[in-house]
Amino acid sequence: MPEYSETSRRRLITCSPLLQQVFNEVIKYYDCSILCGHRSEKDQLIAYQEDKSKVQWPNSKHNIFPSDAVDVAPYPINWNNIKRFYYFAGFVLGVASQLRINIRFGGDWDGDEDLDDQTFNDLVHFELVME
């Protein structure tokens, strides 16, 4: 059974308990790495400048504590295998649905399951949706 590295565990505990619940279930079946949970003002500025985020501090769900967003990639990470990120996202969304936790994937911001209508793809991003 896969398990998180110490670095991934440290990053995940900066996230909402609901996101922790989802990804603690995901890791039981699918190896993945937590890339980012809570993001400081400095880290948000860097993410924005590197075009990894479209919003500035404090407008990202990564900027609150605990974070309502998390960046996660299937492990081992292969940035060139885009299909693998979509496959992983489907698994994550399925786990969240089973847990009755509403999340959004950065490859389908509007949640319409049309993956071609995005203007910004953030294939590692998952965030809580508060209804």
C-alpha atoms as a PDB file:
ATOM      1  CA  MET A   1       0.000   0.000   0.000  1.00  0.00           C
ATOM      2  CA  PRO A   2       1.390   3.445  -0.902  1.00  0.00           C
ATOM      3  CA  GLU A   3       2.080   5.970   1.822  1.00  0.00           C
ATOM      4  CA  TYR A   4       2.990   9.635   1.955  1.00  0.00           C
ATOM      5  CA  SER A   5       6.541  10.824   2.422  1.00  0.00           C
ATOM      6  CA  GLU A   6       7.221  12.973   5.463  1.00  0.00           C
ATOM      7  CA  THR A   7       7.233  16.055   3.198  1.00  0.00           C
ATOM      8  CA  SER A   8       3.810  15.198   1.775  1.00  0.00           C
ATOM      9  CA  ARG A   9       2.430  14.583   5.264  1.00  0.00           C
ATOM     10  CA  ARG A  10       3.715  17.979   6.465  1.00  0.00           C
ATOM     11  CA  ARG A  11       2.067  19.691   3.504  1.00  0.00           C
ATOM     12  CA  LEU A  12      -1.233  17.838   3.881  1.00  0.00           C
ATOM     13  CA  ILE A  13      -1.672  18.796   7.535  1.00  0.00           C
ATOM     14  CA  THR A  14      -1.788  22.458   6.457  1.00  0.00           C
ATOM     15  CA  CYS A  15      -5.057  21.663   4.650  1.00  0.00           C
ATOM     16  CA  SER A  16      -8.666  21.552   5.767  1.00  0.00           C
ATOM     17  CA  PRO A  17      -9.632  18.372   7.633  1.00  0.00           C
ATOM     18  CA  LEU A  18     -11.999  17.586   4.737  1.00  0.00           C
ATOM     19  CA  LEU A  19      -9.146  17.636   2.210  1.00  0.00           C
ATOM     20  CA  GLN A  20      -7.058  15.567   4.601  1.00  0.00           C
ATOM     21  CA  GLN A  21      -9.880  13.040   4.761  1.00  0.00           C
ATOM     22  CA  VAL A  22     -10.072  12.788   0.957  1.00  0.00           C
ATOM     23  CA  PHE A  23      -6.334  12.429   0.389  1.00  0.00           C
ATOM     24  CA  ASN A  24      -5.772  10.094   3.331  1.00  0.00           C
ATOM     25  CA  GLU A  25      -8.256   7.802   1.584  1.00  0.00           C
ATOM     26  CA  VAL A  26      -6.736   8.348  -1.892  1.00  0.00           C
ATOM     27  CA  ILE A  27      -3.242   7.306  -0.726  1.00  0.00           C
ATOM     28  CA  LYS A  28      -4.577   3.915   0.333  1.00  0.00           C
ATOM     29  CA  TYR A  29      -5.083   3.054  -3.343  1.00  0.00           C
ATOM     30  CA  TYR A  30      -3.141   5.517  -5.476  1.00  0.00           C
ATOM     31  CA  ASP A  31       0.416   6.716  -4.892  1.00  0.00           C
ATOM     32  CA  CYS A  32       0.646  10.494  -5.029  1.00  0.00           C
ATOM     33  CA  SER A  33       2.634  13.447  -3.749  1.00  0.00           C
ATOM     34  CA  ILE A  34       1.265  16.489  -1.958  1.00  0.00           C
ATOM     35  CA  LEU A  35       2.947  19.432  -3.663  1.00  0.00           C
ATOM     36  CA  CYS A  36       1.337  22.312  -1.789  1.00  0.00           C
ATOM     37  CA  GLY A  37      -1.284  22.934   0.865  1.00  0.00           C
ATOM     38  CA  HIS A  38      -1.286  26.296   2.612  1.00  0.00           C
ATOM     39  CA  ARG A  39       0.591  28.952   0.662  1.00  0.00           C
ATOM     40  CA  SER A  40       2.195  31.956   2.366  1.00  0.00           C
ATOM     41  CA  GLU A  41       2.033  35.462   0.906  1.00  0.00           C
ATOM     42  CA  LYS A  42       5.563  35.069  -0.474  1.00  0.00           C
ATOM     43  CA  ASP A  43       4.798  31.646  -1.990  1.00  0.00           C
ATOM     44  CA  GLN A  44       1.554  32.947  -3.508  1.00  0.00           C
ATOM     45  CA  LEU A  45       3.437  35.829  -5.136  1.00  0.00           C
ATOM     46  CA  ILE A  46       5.924  33.354  -6.623  1.00  0.00           C
ATOM     47  CA  ALA A  47       3.117  31.074  -7.869  1.00  0.00           C
ATOM     48  CA  TYR A  48       1.418  34.087  -9.472  1.00  0.00           C
ATOM     49  CA  GLN A  49       4.639  35.361 -11.070  1.00  0.00           C
ATOM     50  CA  GLU A  50       5.409  31.887 -12.444  1.00  0.00           C
ATOM     51  CA  ASP A  51       1.868  31.679 -13.906  1.00  0.00           C
ATOM     52  CA  LYS A  52       1.041  28.729 -11.661  1.00  0.00           C
ATOM     53  CA  SER A  53      -1.812  30.723 -10.141  1.00  0.00           C
ATOM     54  CA  LYS A  54      -4.178  33.262 -11.636  1.00  0.00           C
ATOM     55  CA  VAL A  55      -4.875  35.029  -8.346  1.00  0.00           C
ATOM     56  CA  GLN A  56      -2.776  37.106  -5.996  1.00  0.00           C
ATOM     57  CA  TRP A  57      -2.580  36.999  -2.202  1.00  0.00           C
ATOM     58  CA  PRO A  58      -4.942  36.604  -0.343  1.00  0.00           C
ATOM     59  CA  ASN A  59      -7.443  35.466  -2.989  1.00  0.00           C
ATOM     60  CA  SER A  60      -6.376  31.835  -3.405  1.00  0.00           C
ATOM     61  CA  LYS A  61      -7.995  29.032  -1.450  1.00  0.00           C
ATOM     62  CA  HIS A  62      -4.384  28.085  -0.649  1.00  0.00           C
ATOM     63  CA  ASN A  63      -3.994  31.329   1.336  1.00  0.00           C
ATOM     64  CA  ILE A  64      -6.293  30.600   4.258  1.00  0.00           C
ATOM     65  CA  PHE A  65      -5.264  28.389   7.126  1.00  0.00           C
ATOM     66  CA  PRO A  66      -6.060  25.591   7.088  1.00  0.00           C
ATOM     67  CA  SER A  67      -6.031  25.657   3.310  1.00  0.00           C
ATOM     68  CA  ASP A  68      -9.172  24.928   1.307  1.00  0.00           C
ATOM     69  CA  ALA A  69      -6.977  23.900  -1.637  1.00  0.00           C
ATOM     70  CA  VAL A  70      -4.248  21.359  -2.221  1.00  0.00           C
ATOM     71  CA  ASP A  71      -1.973  20.559  -5.152  1.00  0.00           C
ATOM     72  CA  VAL A  72      -1.410  16.836  -5.615  1.00  0.00           C
ATOM     73  CA  ALA A  73       0.271  14.828  -8.379  1.00  0.00           C
ATOM     74  CA  PRO A  74       0.288  11.106  -9.131  1.00  0.00           C
ATOM     75  CA  TYR A  75       3.618   9.559  -8.172  1.00  0.00           C
ATOM     76  CA  PRO A  76       6.080   9.176  -9.755  1.00  0.00           C
ATOM     77  CA  ILE A  77       5.486  12.577 -11.299  1.00  0.00           C
ATOM     78  CA  ASN A  78       5.743  12.760 -15.072  1.00  0.00           C
ATOM     79  CA  TRP A  79       4.758  16.285 -16.125  1.00  0.00           C
ATOM     80  CA  ASN A  80       4.592  15.182 -19.781  1.00  0.00           C
ATOM     81  CA  ASN A  81       1.910  12.529 -19.203  1.00  0.00           C
ATOM     82  CA  ILE A  82      -1.136  14.809 -19.103  1.00  0.00           C
ATOM     83  CA  LYS A  83      -3.611  11.942 -19.450  1.00  0.00           C
ATOM     84  CA  ARG A  84      -2.334  10.468 -16.193  1.00  0.00           C
ATOM     85  CA  PHE A  85      -3.254  13.676 -14.339  1.00  0.00           C
ATOM     86  CA  TYR A  86      -6.811  13.486 -15.671  1.00  0.00           C
ATOM     87  CA  TYR A  87      -7.040   9.802 -14.756  1.00  0.00           C
ATOM     88  CA  PHE A  88      -5.808  10.583 -11.243  1.00  0.00           C
ATOM     89  CA  ALA A  89      -8.287  13.454 -10.919  1.00  0.00           C
ATOM     90  CA  GLY A  90     -11.135  11.104 -11.800  1.00  0.00           C
ATOM     91  CA  PHE A  91     -10.041   8.778  -9.029  1.00  0.00           C
ATOM     92  CA  VAL A  92      -9.796  11.658  -6.530  1.00  0.00           C
ATOM     93  CA  LEU A  93     -13.223  13.000  -7.502  1.00  0.00           C
ATOM     94  CA  GLY A  94     -14.683   9.514  -7.077  1.00  0.00           C
ATOM     95  CA  VAL A  95     -13.201   9.163  -3.587  1.00  0.00           C
ATOM     96  CA  ALA A  96     -14.471  12.621  -2.606  1.00  0.00           C
ATOM     97  CA  SER A  97     -17.930  11.761  -3.905  1.00  0.00           C
ATOM     98  CA  GLN A  98     -17.998   8.549  -1.871  1.00  0.00           C
ATOM     99  CA  LEU A  99     -17.067  10.587   1.204  1.00  0.00           C
ATOM    100  CA  ARG A 100     -19.729  13.191   0.307  1.00  0.00           C
ATOM    101  CA  ILE A 101     -17.105  15.935   0.147  1.00  0.00           C
ATOM    102  CA  ASN A 102     -17.608  18.408  -2.689  1.00  0.00           C
ATOM    103  CA  ILE A 103     -14.351  19.320  -4.429  1.00  0.00           C
ATOM    104  CA  ARG A 104     -13.396  20.974  -7.708  1.00  0.00           C
ATOM    105  CA  PHE A 105     -10.520  19.930  -9.980  1.00  0.00           C
ATOM    106  CA  GLY A 106      -8.311  22.547 -11.658  1.00  0.00           C
ATOM    107  CA  GLY A 107      -8.795  20.831 -15.010  1.00  0.00           C
ATOM    108  CA  ASP A 108     -12.583  21.374 -14.906  1.00  0.00           C
ATOM    109  CA  TRP A 109     -13.164  24.630 -13.043  1.00  0.00           C
ATOM    110  CA  ASP A 110     -16.847  24.872 -13.912  1.00  0.00           C
ATOM    111  CA  GLY A 111     -17.519  21.208 -13.121  1.00  0.00           C
ATOM    112  CA  ASP A 112     -19.373  20.553 -16.376  1.00  0.00           C
ATOM    113  CA  GLU A 113     -17.152  17.568 -17.305  1.00  0.00           C
ATOM    114  CA  ASP A 114     -16.132  19.370 -20.528  1.00  0.00           C
ATOM    115  CA  LEU A 115     -12.363  19.352 -20.200  1.00  0.00           C
ATOM    116  CA  ASP A 116     -11.858  21.417 -23.346  1.00  0.00           C
ATOM    117  CA  ASP A 117     -13.544  24.638 -22.178  1.00  0.00           C
ATOM    118  CA  GLN A 118     -10.881  25.698 -19.672  1.00  0.00           C
ATOM    119  CA  THR A 119      -8.798  28.835 -20.072  1.00  0.00           C
ATOM    120  CA  PHE A 120      -6.361  27.794 -17.320  1.00  0.00           C
ATOM    121  CA  ASN A 121      -5.523  24.183 -16.570  1.00  0.00           C
ATOM    122  CA  ASP A 122      -4.140  23.491 -13.113  1.00  0.00           C
ATOM    123  CA  LEU A 123      -4.066  19.699 -13.249  1.00  0.00           C
ATOM    124  CA  VAL A 124      -2.688  19.238  -9.734  1.00  0.00           C
ATOM    125  CA  HIS A 125      -5.212  21.535  -8.031  1.00  0.00           C
ATOM    126  CA  PHE A 126      -8.153  20.347  -5.925  1.00  0.00           C
ATOM    127  CA  GLU A 127     -10.250  22.662  -3.793  1.00  0.00           C
ATOM    128  CA  LEU A 128     -13.265  22.481  -1.527  1.00  0.00           C
ATOM    129  CA  VAL A 129     -16.544  23.783  -2.892  1.00  0.00           C
ATOM    130  CA  MET A 130     -18.715  25.304  -0.232  1.00  0.00           C
ATOM    131  CA  GLU A 131     -22.377  25.225  -1.133  1.00  0.00           C
END
